[in-house]
């Protein structure tokens, strides 16, 4: 009976160790995924600002061109 309990304890300890390792690896991967997500999200926000500025510059250039041509 003692052998059964000892074997059970060893097996459970092994499972605990394995699951602990799996959780640690999963958390590390989650952190890397979050960092990647935030970088891409930031890049998209910067791109949106650049596009908006481009539109504003094009509008200003068009207004300046029309003003110079006397089409106010």
PDB file of N, CA and C in Angstrom:
ATOM      1  N   UNK A   1       0.826  -1.200   0.000  1.00  0.00           N
ATOM      2  CA  UNK A   1       0.000   0.000   0.000  1.00  0.00           C
ATOM      3  C   UNK A   1       0.865   1.257   0.000  1.00  0.00           C
ATOM      4  N   UNK A   2       1.962   1.201   0.743  1.00  0.00           N
ATOM      5  CA  UNK A   2       2.852   2.354   0.828  1.00  0.00           C
ATOM      6  C   UNK A   2       3.495   2.658  -0.524  1.00  0.00           C
ATOM      7  N   UNK A   3       3.801   1.596  -1.277  1.00  0.00           N
ATOM      8  CA  UNK A   3       4.368   1.788  -2.614  1.00  0.00           C
ATOM      9  C   UNK A   3       3.391   2.498  -3.536  1.00  0.00           C
ATOM     10  N   UNK A   4       2.121   2.163  -3.429  1.00  0.00           N
ATOM     11  CA  UNK A   4       1.085   2.791  -4.271  1.00  0.00           C
ATOM     12  C   UNK A   4       1.014   4.283  -3.959  1.00  0.00           C
ATOM     13  N   UNK A   5       1.008   4.620  -2.673  1.00  0.00           N
ATOM     14  CA  UNK A   5       0.930   6.025  -2.273  1.00  0.00           C
ATOM     15  C   UNK A   5       2.180   6.795  -2.708  1.00  0.00           C
ATOM     16  N   UNK A   6       3.333   6.190  -2.588  1.00  0.00           N
ATOM     17  CA  UNK A   6       4.581   6.821  -2.997  1.00  0.00           C
ATOM     18  C   UNK A   6       4.591   7.050  -4.502  1.00  0.00           C
ATOM     19  N   UNK A   7       4.154   6.037  -5.259  1.00  0.00           N
ATOM     20  CA  UNK A   7       4.088   6.179  -6.719  1.00  0.00           C
ATOM     21  C   UNK A   7       3.089   7.255  -7.122  1.00  0.00           C
ATOM     22  N   UNK A   8       1.960   7.297  -6.428  1.00  0.00           N
ATOM     23  CA  UNK A   8       0.935   8.307  -6.716  1.00  0.00           C
ATOM     24  C   UNK A   8       1.487   9.709  -6.430  1.00  0.00           C
ATOM     25  N   UNK A   9       2.187   9.851  -5.319  1.00  0.00           N
ATOM     26  CA  UNK A   9       2.770  11.142  -4.961  1.00  0.00           C
ATOM     27  C   UNK A   9       3.801  11.585  -5.991  1.00  0.00           C
ATOM     28  N   UNK A  10       4.637  10.660  -6.433  1.00  0.00           N
ATOM     29  CA  UNK A  10       5.639  10.983  -7.454  1.00  0.00           C
ATOM     30  C   UNK A  10       4.968  11.399  -8.758  1.00  0.00           C
ATOM     31  N   UNK A  11       3.934  10.670  -9.138  1.00  0.00           N
ATOM     32  CA  UNK A  11       3.219  10.992 -10.374  1.00  0.00           C
ATOM     33  C   UNK A  11       2.561  12.360 -10.314  1.00  0.00           C
ATOM     34  N   UNK A  12       1.919  12.640  -9.177  1.00  0.00           N
ATOM     35  CA  UNK A  12       1.258  13.937  -9.013  1.00  0.00           C
ATOM     36  C   UNK A  12       2.283  15.079  -8.966  1.00  0.00           C
ATOM     37  N   UNK A  13       3.396  14.851  -8.308  1.00  0.00           N
ATOM     38  CA  UNK A  13       4.453  15.863  -8.261  1.00  0.00           C
ATOM     39  C   UNK A  13       4.996  16.137  -9.658  1.00  0.00           C
ATOM     40  N   UNK A  14       5.137  15.099 -10.439  1.00  0.00           N
ATOM     41  CA  UNK A  14       5.609  15.242 -11.817  1.00  0.00           C
ATOM     42  C   UNK A  14       4.610  16.043 -12.651  1.00  0.00           C
ATOM     43  N   UNK A  15       3.334  15.738 -12.484  1.00  0.00           N
ATOM     44  CA  UNK A  15       2.293  16.474 -13.215  1.00  0.00           C
ATOM     45  C   UNK A  15       2.289  17.944 -12.804  1.00  0.00           C
ATOM     46  N   UNK A  16       2.441  18.190 -11.503  1.00  0.00           N
ATOM     47  CA  UNK A  16       2.459  19.566 -11.008  1.00  0.00           C
ATOM     48  C   UNK A  16       3.619  20.342 -11.625  1.00  0.00           C
ATOM     49  N   UNK A  17       4.775  19.723 -11.660  1.00  0.00           N
ATOM     50  CA  UNK A  17       5.952  20.359 -12.238  1.00  0.00           C
ATOM     51  C   UNK A  17       5.736  20.644 -13.721  1.00  0.00           C
ATOM     52  N   UNK A  18       5.186  19.686 -14.422  1.00  0.00           N
ATOM     53  CA  UNK A  18       4.932  19.838 -15.852  1.00  0.00           C
ATOM     54  C   UNK A  18       3.921  20.953 -16.114  1.00  0.00           C
ATOM     55  N   UNK A  19       2.859  20.996 -15.338  1.00  0.00           N
ATOM     56  CA  UNK A  19       1.836  22.023 -15.518  1.00  0.00           C
ATOM     57  C   UNK A  19       2.375  23.411 -15.156  1.00  0.00           C
ATOM     58  N   UNK A  20       3.206  23.477 -14.125  1.00  0.00           N
ATOM     59  CA  UNK A  20       3.825  24.747 -13.744  1.00  0.00           C
ATOM     60  C   UNK A  20       4.685  25.272 -14.885  1.00  0.00           C
ATOM     61  N   UNK A  21       5.454  24.406 -15.476  1.00  0.00           N
ATOM     62  CA  UNK A  21       6.308  24.784 -16.605  1.00  0.00           C
ATOM     63  C   UNK A  21       5.466  25.235 -17.797  1.00  0.00           C
ATOM     64  N   UNK A  22       4.390  24.524 -18.043  1.00  0.00           N
ATOM     65  CA  UNK A  22       3.504  24.863 -19.156  1.00  0.00           C
ATOM     66  C   UNK A  22       2.862  26.231 -18.945  1.00  0.00           C
ATOM     67  N   UNK A  23       2.448  26.505 -17.729  1.00  0.00           N
ATOM     68  CA  UNK A  23       1.859  27.810 -17.418  1.00  0.00           C
ATOM     69  C   UNK A  23       2.883  28.912 -17.609  1.00  0.00           C
ATOM     70  N   UNK A  24       4.094  28.710 -17.137  1.00  0.00           N
ATOM     71  CA  UNK A  24       5.148  29.709 -17.267  1.00  0.00           C
ATOM     72  C   UNK A  24       5.423  30.015 -18.744  1.00  0.00           C
ATOM     73  N   UNK A  25       5.527  28.967 -19.550  1.00  0.00           N
ATOM     74  CA  UNK A  25       5.770  29.170 -20.985  1.00  0.00           C
ATOM     75  C   UNK A  25       4.600  29.884 -21.647  1.00  0.00           C
ATOM     76  N   UNK A  26       3.389  29.526 -21.239  1.00  0.00           N
ATOM     77  CA  UNK A  26       2.202  30.179 -21.797  1.00  0.00           C
ATOM     78  C   UNK A  26       2.146  31.657 -21.452  1.00  0.00           C
ATOM     79  N   UNK A  27       2.505  31.984 -20.220  1.00  0.00           N
ATOM     80  CA  UNK A  27       2.514  33.386 -19.813  1.00  0.00           C
ATOM     81  C   UNK A  27       3.581  34.171 -20.574  1.00  0.00           C
ATOM     82  N   UNK A  28       4.743  33.577 -20.785  1.00  0.00           N
ATOM     83  CA  UNK A  28       5.796  34.241 -21.552  1.00  0.00           C
ATOM     84  C   UNK A  28       5.344  34.492 -22.988  1.00  0.00           C
ATOM     85  N   UNK A  29       4.677  33.519 -23.586  1.00  0.00           N
ATOM     86  CA  UNK A  29       4.182  33.680 -24.957  1.00  0.00           C
ATOM     87  C   UNK A  29       3.101  34.758 -25.011  1.00  0.00           C
ATOM     88  N   UNK A  30       2.249  34.790 -24.001  1.00  0.00           N
ATOM     89  CA  UNK A  30       1.200  35.804 -23.949  1.00  0.00           C
ATOM     90  C   UNK A  30       1.808  37.202 -23.868  1.00  0.00           C
ATOM     91  N   UNK A  31       2.838  37.359 -23.071  1.00  0.00           N
ATOM     92  CA  UNK A  31       3.513  38.659 -22.958  1.00  0.00           C
ATOM     93  C   UNK A  31       4.109  39.067 -24.306  1.00  0.00           C
ATOM     94  N   UNK A  32       4.763  38.130 -24.993  1.00  0.00           N
ATOM     95  CA  UNK A  32       5.338  38.444 -26.316  1.00  0.00           C
ATOM     96  C   UNK A  32       4.230  38.821 -27.306  1.00  0.00           C
ATOM     97  N   UNK A  33       3.114  38.115 -27.259  1.00  0.00           N
ATOM     98  CA  UNK A  33       2.000  38.428 -28.160  1.00  0.00           C
ATOM     99  C   UNK A  33       1.430  39.819 -27.867  1.00  0.00           C
ATOM    100  N   UNK A  34       1.305  40.149 -26.586  1.00  0.00           N
ATOM    101  CA  UNK A  34       0.797  41.474 -26.216  1.00  0.00           C
ATOM    102  C   UNK A  34       1.744  42.568 -26.701  1.00  0.00           C
ATOM    103  N   UNK A  35       3.046  42.363 -26.530  1.00  0.00           N
ATOM    104  CA  UNK A  35       4.026  43.352 -27.003  1.00  0.00           C
ATOM    105  C   UNK A  35       3.919  43.537 -28.518  1.00  0.00           C
ATOM    106  N   UNK A  36       3.807  42.438 -29.238  1.00  0.00           N
ATOM    107  CA  UNK A  36       3.654  42.519 -30.693  1.00  0.00           C
ATOM    108  C   UNK A  36       2.383  43.248 -31.078  1.00  0.00           C
ATOM    109  N   UNK A  37       1.302  42.952 -30.384  1.00  0.00           N
ATOM    110  CA  UNK A  37       0.014  43.604 -30.643  1.00  0.00           C
ATOM    111  C   UNK A  37       0.129  45.109 -30.449  1.00  0.00           C
ATOM    112  N   UNK A  38       0.739  45.521 -29.330  1.00  0.00           N
ATOM    113  CA  UNK A  38       0.864  46.948 -29.046  1.00  0.00           C
ATOM    114  C   UNK A  38       1.741  47.661 -30.069  1.00  0.00           C
ATOM    115  N   UNK A  39       2.789  47.005 -30.542  1.00  0.00           N
ATOM    116  CA  UNK A  39       3.643  47.607 -31.570  1.00  0.00           C
ATOM    117  C   UNK A  39       2.879  47.813 -32.872  1.00  0.00           C
ATOM    118  N   UNK A  40       2.127  46.817 -33.285  1.00  0.00           N
ATOM    119  CA  UNK A  40       1.357  46.930 -34.526  1.00  0.00           C
ATOM    120  C   UNK A  40       0.258  47.973 -34.374  1.00  0.00           C
ATOM    121  N   UNK A  41      -0.402  47.987 -33.232  1.00  0.00           N
ATOM    122  CA  UNK A  41      -1.448  48.979 -32.989  1.00  0.00           C
ATOM    123  C   UNK A  41      -0.868  50.389 -33.038  1.00  0.00           C
ATOM    124  N   UNK A  42       0.297  50.583 -32.434  1.00  0.00           N
ATOM    125  CA  UNK A  42       0.953  51.889 -32.467  1.00  0.00           C
ATOM    126  C   UNK A  42       1.329  52.293 -33.878  1.00  0.00           C
ATOM    127  N   UNK A  43       1.823  51.347 -34.650  1.00  0.00           N
ATOM    128  CA  UNK A  43       2.188  51.635 -36.041  1.00  0.00           C
ATOM    129  C   UNK A  43       0.957  52.053 -36.842  1.00  0.00           C
ATOM    130  N   UNK A  44      -0.163  51.395 -36.613  1.00  0.00           N
ATOM    131  CA  UNK A  44      -1.390  51.763 -37.320  1.00  0.00           C
ATOM    132  C   UNK A  44      -1.863  53.162 -36.913  1.00  0.00           C
ATOM    133  N   UNK A  45      -1.706  53.516 -35.642  1.00  0.00           N
ATOM    134  CA  UNK A  45      -2.087  54.856 -35.194  1.00  0.00           C
ATOM    135  C   UNK A  45      -1.201  55.917 -35.843  1.00  0.00           C
ATOM    136  N   UNK A  46       0.097  55.647 -35.927  1.00  0.00           N
ATOM    137  CA  UNK A  46       1.021  56.584 -36.581  1.00  0.00           C
ATOM    138  C   UNK A  46       0.655  56.726 -38.056  1.00  0.00           C
ATOM    139  N   UNK A  47       0.337  55.620 -38.710  1.00  0.00           N
ATOM    140  CA  UNK A  47      -0.055  55.654 -40.114  1.00  0.00           C
ATOM    141  C   UNK A  47      -1.313  56.500 -40.308  1.00  0.00           C
ATOM    142  N   UNK A  48      -2.274  56.390 -39.405  1.00  0.00           N
ATOM    143  CA  UNK A  48      -3.501  57.186 -39.506  1.00  0.00           C
ATOM    144  C   UNK A  48      -3.189  58.676 -39.392  1.00  0.00           C
ATOM    145  N   UNK A  49      -2.272  59.042 -38.494  1.00  0.00           N
ATOM    146  CA  UNK A  49      -1.888  60.450 -38.343  1.00  0.00           C
ATOM    147  C   UNK A  49      -1.197  60.947 -39.610  1.00  0.00           C
ATOM    148  N   UNK A  50      -0.313  60.135 -40.158  1.00  0.00           N
ATOM    149  CA  UNK A  50       0.395  60.521 -41.392  1.00  0.00           C
ATOM    150  C   UNK A  50      -0.594  60.713 -42.537  1.00  0.00           C
ATOM    151  N   UNK A  51      -1.545  59.804 -42.668  1.00  0.00           N
ATOM    152  CA  UNK A  51      -2.543  59.931 -43.742  1.00  0.00           C
ATOM    153  C   UNK A  51      -3.369  61.205 -43.567  1.00  0.00           C
ATOM    154  N   UNK A  52      -3.751  61.513 -42.331  1.00  0.00           N
ATOM    155  CA  UNK A  52      -4.537  62.710 -42.065  1.00  0.00           C
ATOM    156  C   UNK A  52      -3.741  63.959 -42.414  1.00  0.00           C
ATOM    157  N   UNK A  53      -2.475  63.984 -42.051  1.00  0.00           N
ATOM    158  CA  UNK A  53      -1.626  65.144 -42.372  1.00  0.00           C
ATOM    159  C   UNK A  53      -1.456  65.289 -43.875  1.00  0.00           C
ATOM    160  N   UNK A  54      -1.347  64.160 -44.576  1.00  0.00           N
ATOM    161  CA  UNK A  54      -1.208  64.196 -46.026  1.00  0.00           C
ATOM    162  C   UNK A  54      -2.451  64.819 -46.653  1.00  0.00           C
ATOM    163  N   UNK A  55      -3.615  64.435 -46.176  1.00  0.00           N
ATOM    164  CA  UNK A  55      -4.868  65.003 -46.693  1.00  0.00           C
ATOM    165  C   UNK A  55      -4.915  66.506 -46.420  1.00  0.00           C
ATOM    166  N   UNK A  56      -4.516  66.893 -45.207  1.00  0.00           N
ATOM    167  CA  UNK A  56      -4.519  68.318 -44.861  1.00  0.00           C
ATOM    168  C   UNK A  56      -3.564  69.105 -45.753  1.00  0.00           C
ATOM    169  N   UNK A  57      -2.377  68.550 -46.023  1.00  0.00           N
ATOM    170  CA  UNK A  57      -1.417  69.234 -46.896  1.00  0.00           C
ATOM    171  C   UNK A  57      -1.933  69.333 -48.327  1.00  0.00           C
ATOM    172  N   UNK A  58      -2.573  68.274 -48.808  1.00  0.00           N
ATOM    173  CA  UNK A  58      -3.130  68.302 -50.157  1.00  0.00           C
ATOM    174  C   UNK A  58      -4.237  69.350 -50.259  1.00  0.00           C
ATOM    175  N   UNK A  59      -5.078  69.438 -49.233  1.00  0.00           N
ATOM    176  CA  UNK A  59      -6.141  70.448 -49.225  1.00  0.00           C
ATOM    177  C   UNK A  59      -5.553  71.857 -49.233  1.00  0.00           C
ATOM    178  N   UNK A  60      -4.516  72.054 -48.413  1.00  0.00           N
ATOM    179  CA  UNK A  60      -3.866  73.370 -48.356  1.00  0.00           C
ATOM    180  C   UNK A  60      -3.220  73.707 -49.694  1.00  0.00           C
ATOM    181  N   UNK A  61      -2.569  72.738 -50.307  1.00  0.00           N
ATOM    182  CA  UNK A  61      -1.937  72.976 -51.603  1.00  0.00           C
ATOM    183  C   UNK A  61      -2.975  73.330 -52.659  1.00  0.00           C
ATOM    184  N   UNK A  62      -4.097  72.646 -52.624  1.00  0.00           N
ATOM    185  CA  UNK A  62      -5.170  72.918 -53.577  1.00  0.00           C
ATOM    186  C   UNK A  62      -5.738  74.317 -53.357  1.00  0.00           C
ATOM    187  N   UNK A  63      -5.958  74.685 -52.101  1.00  0.00           N
ATOM    188  CA  UNK A  63      -6.475  76.017 -51.799  1.00  0.00           C
ATOM    189  C   UNK A  63      -5.492  77.081 -52.239  1.00  0.00           C
ATOM    190  N   UNK A  64      -4.194  76.853 -51.984  1.00  0.00           N
ATOM    191  CA  UNK A  64      -3.175  77.808 -52.401  1.00  0.00           C
ATOM    192  C   UNK A  64      -3.145  77.945 -53.922  1.00  0.00           C
ATOM    193  N   UNK A  65      -3.258  76.829 -54.622  1.00  0.00           N
ATOM    194  CA  UNK A  65      -3.231  76.851 -56.083  1.00  0.00           C
ATOM    195  C   UNK A  65      -4.439  77.594 -56.638  1.00  0.00           C
ATOM    196  N   UNK A  66      -5.607  77.345 -56.035  1.00  0.00           N
ATOM    197  CA  UNK A  66      -6.809  78.032 -56.489  1.00  0.00           C
ATOM    198  C   UNK A  66      -6.747  79.525 -56.171  1.00  0.00           C
ATOM    199  N   UNK A  67      -6.176  79.843 -55.020  1.00  0.00           N
ATOM    200  CA  UNK A  67      -6.050  81.243 -54.607  1.00  0.00           C
ATOM    201  C   UNK A  67      -5.102  81.979 -55.562  1.00  0.00           C
ATOM    202  N   UNK A  68      -4.015  81.329 -55.928  1.00  0.00           N
ATOM    203  CA  UNK A  68      -3.063  81.932 -56.841  1.00  0.00           C
ATOM    204  C   UNK A  68      -3.671  82.120 -58.222  1.00  0.00           C
ATOM    205  N   UNK A  69      -4.541  81.197 -58.606  1.00  0.00           N
ATOM    206  CA  UNK A  69      -5.180  81.273 -59.921  1.00  0.00           C
ATOM    207  C   UNK A  69      -6.343  82.262 -59.911  1.00  0.00           C
ATOM    208  N   UNK A  70      -6.689  82.804 -58.743  1.00  0.00           N
ATOM    209  CA  UNK A  70      -7.774  83.786 -58.646  1.00  0.00           C
ATOM    210  C   UNK A  70      -9.143  83.159 -58.655  1.00  0.00           C
ATOM    211  N   UNK A  71      -9.275  81.928 -58.170  1.00  0.00           N
ATOM    212  CA  UNK A  71     -10.562  81.235 -58.206  1.00  0.00           C
ATOM    213  C   UNK A  71     -11.257  81.292 -56.847  1.00  0.00           C
ATOM    214  N   UNK A  72     -10.823  82.120 -55.944  1.00  0.00           N
ATOM    215  CA  UNK A  72     -11.407  82.176 -54.595  1.00  0.00           C
ATOM    216  C   UNK A  72     -12.869  82.143 -54.694  1.00  0.00           C
TER     217      UNK A  72
END
